[in-house]
Amino acid sequence: MSIDTEQIHIIYISVGSNVDKEKHTKAGLQGMYQAFGELTLSSVFESESVGFEGNNFYNLVIKANTKLSIAEVCSVLKKIEQDNKRQRGEQKFAPRTLDLDLLLYDRQVTSQPIILPRPEVLYNAFVLKPLAEIAADEVHPEVNTSYANLWQAYDKSQQKLWAIKFDWSPTRK
């Protein structure tokens, strides 16, 4: 009998959409379920677009387990975005069918292949609030403060968001 020595990593991913948002959010969740297995989902929040004029966004954060590397997780997320016709252009802030960002990979702090933890964890209500909901007692590896405490201290007048009713259940393929 062989022993599996590959480490299981805990990952947190932000999910956002403001183009046909219910359809693409559900499709993104399904894609991540197929890639990572069981997902823990925060509530889904609606928020105004930040940095550009556009439709409101749906946002949530998911937690999953994986044996994949950071680069492999990022490749999976890009493929799911592409499957949902995500257009990447020169504009940083623009409408999106689906935006999937790896926020945390265990407690790693790194700049390659991407910056982790993602800086927007500390600055965007639509990332911090759902993360604090499902990882309240986890501690940000750079500021050594729990996500619950970070959300409590966050200036909530900066960005408005509100919880919405959203139903999703995975389907096996």
C-alpha atoms as a PDB file:
ATOM      1  CA  MET A   1       0.000   0.000   0.000  1.00  0.00           C
ATOM      2  CA  SER A   2       1.442   3.383  -0.990  1.00  0.00           C
ATOM      3  CA  ILE A   3       1.129   6.424   1.196  1.00  0.00           C
ATOM      4  CA  ASP A   4       0.068   9.707  -0.358  1.00  0.00           C
ATOM      5  CA  THR A   5       2.670  12.248   0.715  1.00  0.00           C
ATOM      6  CA  GLU A   6       1.268  15.180  -1.263  1.00  0.00           C
ATOM      7  CA  GLN A   7       0.219  17.961   1.061  1.00  0.00           C
ATOM      8  CA  ILE A   8      -3.333  19.238   1.100  1.00  0.00           C
ATOM      9  CA  HIS A   9      -3.456  23.030   0.810  1.00  0.00           C
ATOM     10  CA  ILE A  10      -6.299  25.266   1.957  1.00  0.00           C
ATOM     11  CA  ILE A  11      -7.177  27.888  -0.625  1.00  0.00           C
ATOM     12  CA  TYR A  12      -9.546  30.841  -0.635  1.00  0.00           C
ATOM     13  CA  ILE A  13     -10.787  32.237  -3.932  1.00  0.00           C
ATOM     14  CA  SER A  14     -12.831  35.366  -4.598  1.00  0.00           C
ATOM     15  CA  VAL A  15     -15.609  35.112  -7.174  1.00  0.00           C
ATOM     16  CA  GLY A  16     -17.041  38.132  -8.943  1.00  0.00           C
ATOM     17  CA  SER A  17     -19.340  38.767 -11.899  1.00  0.00           C
ATOM     18  CA  ASN A  18     -21.305  41.680 -13.285  1.00  0.00           C
ATOM     19  CA  VAL A  19     -22.243  40.342 -16.738  1.00  0.00           C
ATOM     20  CA  ASP A  20     -25.113  37.821 -16.672  1.00  0.00           C
ATOM     21  CA  LYS A  21     -23.929  37.467 -13.096  1.00  0.00           C
ATOM     22  CA  GLU A  22     -26.160  34.697 -11.775  1.00  0.00           C
ATOM     23  CA  LYS A  23     -25.373  32.420 -14.727  1.00  0.00           C
ATOM     24  CA  HIS A  24     -21.612  33.040 -14.624  1.00  0.00           C
ATOM     25  CA  THR A  25     -21.336  32.872 -10.836  1.00  0.00           C
ATOM     26  CA  LYS A  26     -23.049  29.476 -10.848  1.00  0.00           C
ATOM     27  CA  ALA A  27     -20.913  28.266 -13.762  1.00  0.00           C
ATOM     28  CA  GLY A  28     -17.770  29.405 -11.955  1.00  0.00           C
ATOM     29  CA  LEU A  29     -18.794  27.584  -8.797  1.00  0.00           C
ATOM     30  CA  GLN A  30     -19.504  24.453 -10.809  1.00  0.00           C
ATOM     31  CA  GLY A  31     -16.096  24.667 -12.492  1.00  0.00           C
ATOM     32  CA  MET A  32     -14.335  25.042  -9.153  1.00  0.00           C
ATOM     33  CA  TYR A  33     -16.354  22.196  -7.669  1.00  0.00           C
ATOM     34  CA  GLN A  34     -15.210  19.960 -10.520  1.00  0.00           C
ATOM     35  CA  ALA A  35     -11.594  21.085 -10.067  1.00  0.00           C
ATOM     36  CA  PHE A  36     -11.336  21.056  -6.274  1.00  0.00           C
ATOM     37  CA  GLY A  37     -14.229  19.006  -4.925  1.00  0.00           C
ATOM     38  CA  GLU A  38     -16.262  20.193  -1.968  1.00  0.00           C
ATOM     39  CA  LEU A  39     -16.442  23.962  -1.576  1.00  0.00           C
ATOM     40  CA  THR A  40     -17.302  26.115   1.420  1.00  0.00           C
ATOM     41  CA  LEU A  41     -19.167  29.207   0.226  1.00  0.00           C
ATOM     42  CA  SER A  42     -19.670  32.547   1.895  1.00  0.00           C
ATOM     43  CA  SER A  43     -22.909  34.381   1.437  1.00  0.00           C
ATOM     44  CA  VAL A  44     -23.253  36.076  -1.937  1.00  0.00           C
ATOM     45  CA  PHE A  45     -23.091  39.844  -1.799  1.00  0.00           C
ATOM     46  CA  GLU A  46     -24.100  42.410  -4.354  1.00  0.00           C
ATOM     47  CA  SER A  47     -21.990  45.534  -4.634  1.00  0.00           C
ATOM     48  CA  GLU A  48     -21.576  48.518  -6.864  1.00  0.00           C
ATOM     49  CA  SER A  49     -18.747  48.377  -9.388  1.00  0.00           C
ATOM     50  CA  VAL A  50     -15.446  49.839  -8.172  1.00  0.00           C
ATOM     51  CA  GLY A  51     -13.167  51.840 -10.461  1.00  0.00           C
ATOM     52  CA  PHE A  52     -15.620  52.115 -13.375  1.00  0.00           C
ATOM     53  CA  GLU A  53     -19.275  52.733 -14.190  1.00  0.00           C
ATOM     54  CA  GLY A  54     -20.989  49.399 -14.663  1.00  0.00           C
ATOM     55  CA  ASN A  55     -23.594  46.941 -13.479  1.00  0.00           C
ATOM     56  CA  ASN A  56     -23.516  45.776  -9.869  1.00  0.00           C
ATOM     57  CA  PHE A  57     -21.378  42.756  -9.067  1.00  0.00           C
ATOM     58  CA  TYR A  58     -22.133  39.495  -7.334  1.00  0.00           C
ATOM     59  CA  ASN A  59     -19.239  38.587  -5.023  1.00  0.00           C
ATOM     60  CA  LEU A  60     -18.430  35.728  -2.716  1.00  0.00           C
ATOM     61  CA  VAL A  61     -15.431  33.814  -1.407  1.00  0.00           C
ATOM     62  CA  ILE A  62     -14.993  30.068  -1.498  1.00  0.00           C
ATOM     63  CA  LYS A  63     -12.740  27.802   0.508  1.00  0.00           C
ATOM     64  CA  ALA A  64     -11.420  24.574  -0.982  1.00  0.00           C
ATOM     65  CA  ASN A  65      -8.694  22.014  -0.491  1.00  0.00           C
ATOM     66  CA  THR A  66      -6.199  21.089  -3.169  1.00  0.00           C
ATOM     67  CA  LYS A  67      -2.949  19.264  -3.839  1.00  0.00           C
ATOM     68  CA  LEU A  68      -2.214  21.624  -6.728  1.00  0.00           C
ATOM     69  CA  SER A  69       0.566  24.213  -6.634  1.00  0.00           C
ATOM     70  CA  ILE A  70      -0.189  27.935  -6.672  1.00  0.00           C
ATOM     71  CA  ALA A  71       0.615  28.100 -10.403  1.00  0.00           C
ATOM     72  CA  GLU A  72      -1.633  25.114 -11.124  1.00  0.00           C
ATOM     73  CA  VAL A  73      -4.523  26.651  -9.147  1.00  0.00           C
ATOM     74  CA  CYS A  74      -4.108  29.895 -11.115  1.00  0.00           C
ATOM     75  CA  SER A  75      -4.185  27.915 -14.392  1.00  0.00           C
ATOM     76  CA  VAL A  76      -7.392  26.158 -13.347  1.00  0.00           C
ATOM     77  CA  LEU A  77      -9.009  29.493 -12.437  1.00  0.00           C
ATOM     78  CA  LYS A  78      -7.965  31.098 -15.750  1.00  0.00           C
ATOM     79  CA  LYS A  79      -9.434  28.139 -17.656  1.00  0.00           C
ATOM     80  CA  ILE A  80     -12.753  28.465 -15.787  1.00  0.00           C
ATOM     81  CA  GLU A  81     -12.780  32.194 -16.569  1.00  0.00           C
ATOM     82  CA  GLN A  82     -12.057  31.488 -20.246  1.00  0.00           C
ATOM     83  CA  ASP A  83     -14.820  28.875 -20.339  1.00  0.00           C
ATOM     84  CA  ASN A  84     -17.110  31.707 -19.214  1.00  0.00           C
ATOM     85  CA  LYS A  85     -15.902  34.059 -21.951  1.00  0.00           C
ATOM     86  CA  ARG A  86     -13.855  36.293 -19.659  1.00  0.00           C
ATOM     87  CA  GLN A  87     -12.291  39.050 -21.736  1.00  0.00           C
ATOM     88  CA  ARG A  88      -8.968  40.397 -20.522  1.00  0.00           C
ATOM     89  CA  GLY A  89      -8.124  43.830 -21.852  1.00  0.00           C
ATOM     90  CA  GLU A  90      -5.885  46.735 -21.096  1.00  0.00           C
ATOM     91  CA  GLN A  91      -8.375  48.196 -18.609  1.00  0.00           C
ATOM     92  CA  LYS A  92      -7.910  46.914 -15.072  1.00  0.00           C
ATOM     93  CA  PHE A  93     -11.436  47.893 -14.053  1.00  0.00           C
ATOM     94  CA  ALA A  94     -14.048  46.706 -16.550  1.00  0.00           C
ATOM     95  CA  PRO A  95     -17.188  44.546 -16.734  1.00  0.00           C
ATOM     96  CA  ARG A  96     -16.535  40.827 -16.206  1.00  0.00           C
ATOM     97  CA  THR A  97     -18.424  37.655 -16.923  1.00  0.00           C
ATOM     98  CA  LEU A  98     -16.352  35.942 -14.251  1.00  0.00           C
ATOM     99  CA  ASP A  99     -13.420  37.015 -12.116  1.00  0.00           C
ATOM    100  CA  LEU A 100     -11.705  34.339 -10.014  1.00  0.00           C
ATOM    101  CA  ASP A 101      -8.766  35.382  -7.838  1.00  0.00           C
ATOM    102  CA  LEU A 102      -6.700  33.184  -5.572  1.00  0.00           C
ATOM    103  CA  LEU A 103      -6.636  35.173  -2.325  1.00  0.00           C
ATOM    104  CA  LEU A 104      -4.847  32.796   0.046  1.00  0.00           C
ATOM    105  CA  TYR A 105      -2.898  29.579  -0.271  1.00  0.00           C
ATOM    106  CA  ASP A 106      -2.396  28.220   3.216  1.00  0.00           C
ATOM    107  CA  ARG A 107      -0.567  31.015   5.058  1.00  0.00           C
ATOM    108  CA  GLN A 108       1.971  31.570   2.309  1.00  0.00           C
ATOM    109  CA  VAL A 109       3.383  35.004   1.606  1.00  0.00           C
ATOM    110  CA  THR A 110       4.852  35.165  -1.889  1.00  0.00           C
ATOM    111  CA  SER A 111       5.243  37.364  -4.942  1.00  0.00           C
ATOM    112  CA  GLN A 112       5.678  34.533  -7.456  1.00  0.00           C
ATOM    113  CA  PRO A 113       3.834  33.312  -9.444  1.00  0.00           C
ATOM    114  CA  ILE A 114       1.317  35.811  -7.982  1.00  0.00           C
ATOM    115  CA  ILE A 115       1.222  38.060  -4.932  1.00  0.00           C
ATOM    116  CA  LEU A 116      -0.216  36.219  -1.914  1.00  0.00           C
ATOM    117  CA  PRO A 117      -2.050  37.085   0.141  1.00  0.00           C
ATOM    118  CA  ARG A 118      -3.832  39.226  -2.445  1.00  0.00           C
ATOM    119  CA  PRO A 119      -3.658  42.920  -1.436  1.00  0.00           C
ATOM    120  CA  GLU A 120      -7.388  43.457  -2.106  1.00  0.00           C
ATOM    121  CA  VAL A 121      -8.163  41.308   0.932  1.00  0.00           C
ATOM    122  CA  LEU A 122      -7.388  44.365   3.050  1.00  0.00           C
ATOM    123  CA  TYR A 123      -8.945  47.024   0.806  1.00  0.00           C
ATOM    124  CA  ASN A 124     -12.154  45.734  -0.773  1.00  0.00           C
ATOM    125  CA  ALA A 125     -15.281  45.132   1.283  1.00  0.00           C
ATOM    126  CA  PHE A 126     -16.540  42.678  -1.352  1.00  0.00           C
ATOM    127  CA  VAL A 127     -13.492  40.489  -0.636  1.00  0.00           C
ATOM    128  CA  LEU A 128     -12.938  41.045   3.093  1.00  0.00           C
ATOM    129  CA  LYS A 129     -16.539  40.630   4.285  1.00  0.00           C
ATOM    130  CA  PRO A 130     -17.146  37.226   2.636  1.00  0.00           C
ATOM    131  CA  LEU A 131     -13.653  36.069   3.627  1.00  0.00           C
ATOM    132  CA  ALA A 132     -14.303  37.105   7.241  1.00  0.00           C
ATOM    133  CA  GLU A 133     -17.572  35.176   7.112  1.00  0.00           C
ATOM    134  CA  ILE A 134     -15.940  31.818   6.248  1.00  0.00           C
ATOM    135  CA  ALA A 135     -12.466  32.354   7.747  1.00  0.00           C
ATOM    136  CA  ALA A 136     -13.266  34.546  10.759  1.00  0.00           C
ATOM    137  CA  ASP A 137     -10.585  33.128  13.042  1.00  0.00           C
ATOM    138  CA  GLU A 138      -7.905  32.666  10.373  1.00  0.00           C
ATOM    139  CA  VAL A 139      -5.094  35.204  10.665  1.00  0.00           C
ATOM    140  CA  HIS A 140      -3.776  37.315   7.796  1.00  0.00           C
ATOM    141  CA  PRO A 141      -0.142  36.164   7.471  1.00  0.00           C
ATOM    142  CA  GLU A 142       1.277  39.673   7.025  1.00  0.00           C
ATOM    143  CA  VAL A 143      -0.732  41.821   9.437  1.00  0.00           C
ATOM    144  CA  ASN A 144      -1.270  39.050  12.029  1.00  0.00           C
ATOM    145  CA  THR A 145      -4.899  39.969  12.606  1.00  0.00           C
ATOM    146  CA  SER A 146      -7.923  37.716  12.164  1.00  0.00           C
ATOM    147  CA  TYR A 147     -10.197  38.354   9.203  1.00  0.00           C
ATOM    148  CA  ALA A 148     -13.080  38.923  11.621  1.00  0.00           C
ATOM    149  CA  ASN A 149     -11.103  41.684  13.347  1.00  0.00           C
ATOM    150  CA  LEU A 150     -10.004  43.144  10.013  1.00  0.00           C
ATOM    151  CA  TRP A 151     -13.649  43.320   8.912  1.00  0.00           C
ATOM    152  CA  GLN A 152     -14.722  44.809  12.239  1.00  0.00           C
ATOM    153  CA  ALA A 153     -12.116  47.581  11.840  1.00  0.00           C
ATOM    154  CA  TYR A 154     -12.869  48.179   8.146  1.00  0.00           C
ATOM    155  CA  ASP A 155     -14.404  51.561   7.213  1.00  0.00           C
ATOM    156  CA  LYS A 156     -17.720  50.239   5.914  1.00  0.00           C
ATOM    157  CA  SER A 157     -18.703  53.645   4.505  1.00  0.00           C
ATOM    158  CA  GLN A 158     -16.113  53.166   1.727  1.00  0.00           C
ATOM    159  CA  GLN A 159     -17.971  50.490  -0.232  1.00  0.00           C
ATOM    160  CA  LYS A 160     -21.591  49.408   0.016  1.00  0.00           C
ATOM    161  CA  LEU A 161     -22.537  45.774  -0.285  1.00  0.00           C
ATOM    162  CA  TRP A 162     -25.538  43.734   0.726  1.00  0.00           C
ATOM    163  CA  ALA A 163     -26.281  40.023   1.037  1.00  0.00           C
ATOM    164  CA  ILE A 164     -28.592  38.514  -1.562  1.00  0.00           C
ATOM    165  CA  LYS A 165     -30.489  35.257  -1.840  1.00  0.00           C
ATOM    166  CA  PHE A 166     -28.494  32.905  -4.051  1.00  0.00           C
ATOM    167  CA  ASP A 167     -29.028  29.177  -4.478  1.00  0.00           C
ATOM    168  CA  TRP A 168     -26.439  26.871  -5.941  1.00  0.00           C
ATOM    169  CA  SER A 169     -25.818  23.198  -5.548  1.00  0.00           C
ATOM    170  CA  PRO A 170     -23.115  21.239  -7.341  1.00  0.00           C
ATOM    171  CA  THR A 171     -23.825  18.719 -10.048  1.00  0.00           C
ATOM    172  CA  ARG A 172     -21.461  15.859 -10.693  1.00  0.00           C
ATOM    173  CA  LYS A 173     -20.235  15.286 -14.236  1.00  0.00           C
END
